């Protein structure tokens, strides 16, 4: 059983930075990809970024490329999302998620249905 617990959200101004953390507990092996998604009020949950646990390949939504960086720390069994140059449209609840089965194509990493386990979310609010 994999448990995810996001932290690091908060209220910031446009242009500021935040770093979200997601330690993985309960099982320290067997997850293939870790991802970040976000959901704004009244909108669908959308992909933000993902990282392969083995190899470290990263994937980003176009809306965050160049501003957000996903990373992992194998020793701490954690994944992070560094968010720079935040914009009001980045306001959302951010969720950490894990893929526990292999996919032959990275296109699956962009789809929320591919993820098996989810954290409870952390609120990020960016004021203008």
Foldseek 3Di string as FASTA:
>chain_A
DKAWAKDWADEEAAQAKIKIKIAIDDDLDQWFKKFKWWDDPPGDIFGAKMFGPPPTDIDGDPVQPPFWDWDDDSVRRMIMIIGGRDDQVVWTWMKMFTQRDDDPDCVLVRDPVRTDDIYPTDTHGYHD
